[in-house]
Amino acid sequence: MVVPGGLASDLSAEAARALADVVRAVCAETVELRDIYDEHEGVRDRFTGTGRLEPERAARLGVVGLVGR
């Protein structure tokens, strides 16, 4: 568990290995997604102008689901 100033308990060696495996997988996926983004103009076009939707605006627009969160 993460607590202010550090950890409440140490990770076991097995948990540390599992966490490292997840981090490696996320890094590999991120590189792959970045390559797709860089290589496809249509993908880049879809992201142009996208950003954070403030909760107040989401409520005003009636946005629900994943976008509304």
N, C-alpha and C. Protein backbone atom coordinates (compact mmCIF):
# COMPACT_ATOMS: atom_id res chain seq x y z
N MET A 1 0.84 -1.17 0.00
CA MET A 1 0.00 0.00 0.00
C MET A 1 0.89 1.24 0.00
N VAL A 2 0.56 2.20 -0.81
CA VAL A 2 1.31 3.45 -0.86
C VAL A 2 0.74 4.39 0.19
N VAL A 3 1.63 4.96 0.99
CA VAL A 3 1.23 5.93 2.00
C VAL A 3 2.13 7.15 1.86
N PRO A 4 1.68 8.32 2.31
CA PRO A 4 2.54 9.50 2.23
C PRO A 4 3.90 9.23 2.88
N GLY A 5 4.94 9.51 2.13
CA GLY A 5 6.28 9.32 2.67
C GLY A 5 6.88 7.96 2.41
N GLY A 6 6.16 7.06 1.77
CA GLY A 6 6.74 5.76 1.48
C GLY A 6 5.69 4.67 1.39
N LEU A 7 6.12 3.46 1.72
CA LEU A 7 5.24 2.30 1.66
C LEU A 7 4.91 1.84 3.07
N ALA A 8 3.71 1.34 3.26
CA ALA A 8 3.32 0.80 4.55
C ALA A 8 4.00 -0.54 4.80
N SER A 9 4.33 -1.25 3.72
CA SER A 9 5.05 -2.51 3.83
C SER A 9 5.86 -2.72 2.57
N ASP A 10 6.91 -3.50 2.69
CA ASP A 10 7.77 -3.77 1.54
C ASP A 10 7.09 -4.75 0.59
N LEU A 11 7.43 -4.64 -0.69
CA LEU A 11 6.96 -5.61 -1.67
C LEU A 11 7.77 -6.88 -1.52
N SER A 12 7.11 -8.00 -1.70
CA SER A 12 7.85 -9.26 -1.74
C SER A 12 8.62 -9.30 -3.05
N ALA A 13 9.61 -10.18 -3.13
CA ALA A 13 10.38 -10.32 -4.37
C ALA A 13 9.46 -10.71 -5.52
N GLU A 14 8.51 -11.59 -5.24
CA GLU A 14 7.57 -12.02 -6.27
C GLU A 14 6.69 -10.87 -6.75
N ALA A 15 6.21 -10.05 -5.82
CA ALA A 15 5.39 -8.90 -6.19
C ALA A 15 6.20 -7.89 -6.97
N ALA A 16 7.46 -7.69 -6.60
CA ALA A 16 8.33 -6.75 -7.31
C ALA A 16 8.56 -7.23 -8.74
N ARG A 17 8.76 -8.54 -8.91
CA ARG A 17 8.94 -9.09 -10.26
C ARG A 17 7.67 -8.91 -11.09
N ALA A 18 6.52 -9.18 -10.47
CA ALA A 18 5.25 -9.03 -11.19
C ALA A 18 5.03 -7.58 -11.60
N LEU A 19 5.34 -6.65 -10.70
CA LEU A 19 5.20 -5.24 -11.02
C LEU A 19 6.13 -4.84 -12.15
N ALA A 20 7.37 -5.32 -12.11
CA ALA A 20 8.33 -5.02 -13.17
C ALA A 20 7.84 -5.57 -14.51
N ASP A 21 7.24 -6.76 -14.49
CA ASP A 21 6.70 -7.34 -15.73
C ASP A 21 5.58 -6.47 -16.31
N VAL A 22 4.71 -5.98 -15.45
CA VAL A 22 3.62 -5.11 -15.90
C VAL A 22 4.17 -3.81 -16.47
N VAL A 23 5.15 -3.23 -15.81
CA VAL A 23 5.75 -1.98 -16.29
C VAL A 23 6.38 -2.20 -17.66
N ARG A 24 7.10 -3.32 -17.83
CA ARG A 24 7.70 -3.61 -19.14
C ARG A 24 6.63 -3.75 -20.22
N ALA A 25 5.53 -4.43 -19.90
CA ALA A 25 4.45 -4.62 -20.87
C ALA A 25 3.81 -3.29 -21.24
N VAL A 26 3.58 -2.43 -20.26
CA VAL A 26 2.99 -1.12 -20.52
C VAL A 26 3.94 -0.28 -21.37
N CYS A 27 5.22 -0.33 -21.07
CA CYS A 27 6.20 0.42 -21.87
C CYS A 27 6.20 -0.06 -23.32
N ALA A 28 6.18 -1.37 -23.53
CA ALA A 28 6.17 -1.91 -24.88
C ALA A 28 4.91 -1.49 -25.62
N GLU A 29 3.77 -1.54 -24.95
CA GLU A 29 2.50 -1.13 -25.56
C GLU A 29 2.53 0.36 -25.91
N THR A 30 3.11 1.16 -25.03
CA THR A 30 3.20 2.60 -25.26
C THR A 30 4.05 2.89 -26.50
N VAL A 31 5.16 2.19 -26.63
CA VAL A 31 6.02 2.37 -27.80
C VAL A 31 5.26 1.98 -29.06
N GLU A 32 4.53 0.87 -29.01
CA GLU A 32 3.76 0.42 -30.17
C GLU A 32 2.69 1.45 -30.55
N LEU A 33 1.99 1.95 -29.55
CA LEU A 33 0.95 2.96 -29.83
C LEU A 33 1.55 4.25 -30.37
N ARG A 34 2.71 4.63 -29.86
CA ARG A 34 3.37 5.84 -30.36
C ARG A 34 3.77 5.66 -31.83
N ASP A 35 4.26 4.46 -32.15
CA ASP A 35 4.63 4.18 -33.55
C ASP A 35 3.41 4.28 -34.46
N ILE A 36 2.29 3.73 -34.02
CA ILE A 36 1.05 3.82 -34.82
C ILE A 36 0.66 5.28 -35.01
N TYR A 37 0.70 6.05 -33.92
CA TYR A 37 0.37 7.47 -33.98
C TYR A 37 1.27 8.20 -34.97
N ASP A 38 2.57 7.94 -34.88
CA ASP A 38 3.54 8.63 -35.73
C ASP A 38 3.39 8.26 -37.21
N GLU A 39 2.98 7.02 -37.48
CA GLU A 39 2.96 6.51 -38.85
C GLU A 39 1.64 6.74 -39.59
N HIS A 40 0.59 7.15 -38.89
CA HIS A 40 -0.72 7.27 -39.53
C HIS A 40 -1.31 8.65 -39.31
N GLU A 41 -1.34 9.40 -40.39
CA GLU A 41 -1.86 10.77 -40.32
C GLU A 41 -3.31 10.81 -39.85
N GLY A 42 -4.10 9.83 -40.26
CA GLY A 42 -5.50 9.79 -39.85
C GLY A 42 -5.67 9.65 -38.35
N VAL A 43 -4.78 8.89 -37.73
CA VAL A 43 -4.82 8.75 -36.27
C VAL A 43 -4.48 10.09 -35.63
N ARG A 44 -3.43 10.72 -36.13
CA ARG A 44 -3.05 12.04 -35.58
C ARG A 44 -4.18 13.04 -35.74
N ASP A 45 -4.86 13.02 -36.89
CA ASP A 45 -5.97 13.94 -37.12
C ASP A 45 -7.08 13.76 -36.08
N ARG A 46 -7.33 12.52 -35.69
CA ARG A 46 -8.40 12.25 -34.71
C ARG A 46 -8.06 12.82 -33.34
N PHE A 47 -6.77 12.97 -33.05
CA PHE A 47 -6.36 13.49 -31.74
C PHE A 47 -6.21 15.00 -31.73
N THR A 48 -6.20 15.63 -32.89
CA THR A 48 -6.05 17.08 -32.95
C THR A 48 -7.24 17.75 -32.27
N GLY A 49 -6.94 18.60 -31.33
CA GLY A 49 -7.98 19.33 -30.63
C GLY A 49 -8.62 18.57 -29.48
N THR A 50 -8.13 17.36 -29.19
CA THR A 50 -8.69 16.61 -28.07
C THR A 50 -8.01 17.04 -26.79
N GLY A 51 -8.65 16.81 -25.69
CA GLY A 51 -8.08 17.18 -24.40
C GLY A 51 -9.01 16.80 -23.27
N ARG A 52 -8.78 17.41 -22.15
CA ARG A 52 -9.54 17.11 -20.94
C ARG A 52 -10.90 17.81 -21.00
N LEU A 53 -11.93 17.08 -20.63
CA LEU A 53 -13.28 17.63 -20.55
C LEU A 53 -13.59 17.86 -19.07
N GLU A 54 -13.71 19.11 -18.70
CA GLU A 54 -13.97 19.46 -17.30
C GLU A 54 -15.32 18.89 -16.86
N PRO A 55 -15.42 18.42 -15.61
CA PRO A 55 -16.67 17.82 -15.12
C PRO A 55 -17.89 18.72 -15.29
N GLU A 56 -17.73 20.01 -15.07
CA GLU A 56 -18.85 20.93 -15.21
C GLU A 56 -19.36 20.97 -16.65
N ARG A 57 -18.44 21.00 -17.59
CA ARG A 57 -18.83 21.02 -19.00
C ARG A 57 -19.46 19.69 -19.40
N ALA A 58 -18.89 18.59 -18.92
CA ALA A 58 -19.45 17.27 -19.22
C ALA A 58 -20.90 17.19 -18.74
N ALA A 59 -21.15 17.69 -17.53
CA ALA A 59 -22.51 17.68 -16.98
C ALA A 59 -23.43 18.56 -17.81
N ARG A 60 -22.95 19.72 -18.20
CA ARG A 60 -23.75 20.66 -18.99
C ARG A 60 -24.11 20.06 -20.35
N LEU A 61 -23.17 19.29 -20.92
CA LEU A 61 -23.40 18.68 -22.23
C LEU A 61 -24.15 17.35 -22.14
N GLY A 62 -24.34 16.86 -20.91
CA GLY A 62 -25.03 15.58 -20.73
C GLY A 62 -24.19 14.38 -21.11
N VAL A 63 -22.87 14.53 -21.03
CA VAL A 63 -21.96 13.45 -21.39
C VAL A 63 -22.03 12.37 -20.32
N VAL A 64 -22.07 11.11 -20.75
CA VAL A 64 -22.14 9.99 -19.81
C VAL A 64 -21.09 8.94 -20.18
N GLY A 65 -21.00 7.91 -19.39
CA GLY A 65 -20.10 6.80 -19.67
C GLY A 65 -18.65 7.18 -19.47
N LEU A 66 -17.78 6.51 -20.23
CA LEU A 66 -16.33 6.71 -20.09
C LEU A 66 -15.95 8.17 -20.27
N VAL A 67 -16.48 8.82 -21.26
CA VAL A 67 -16.15 10.22 -21.51
C VAL A 67 -16.62 11.10 -20.35
N GLY A 68 -17.77 10.80 -19.80
CA GLY A 68 -18.31 11.58 -18.70
C GLY A 68 -17.54 11.44 -17.40
N ARG A 69 -16.81 10.35 -17.28
CA ARG A 69 -16.02 10.15 -16.07
C ARG A 69 -14.79 10.99 -16.11
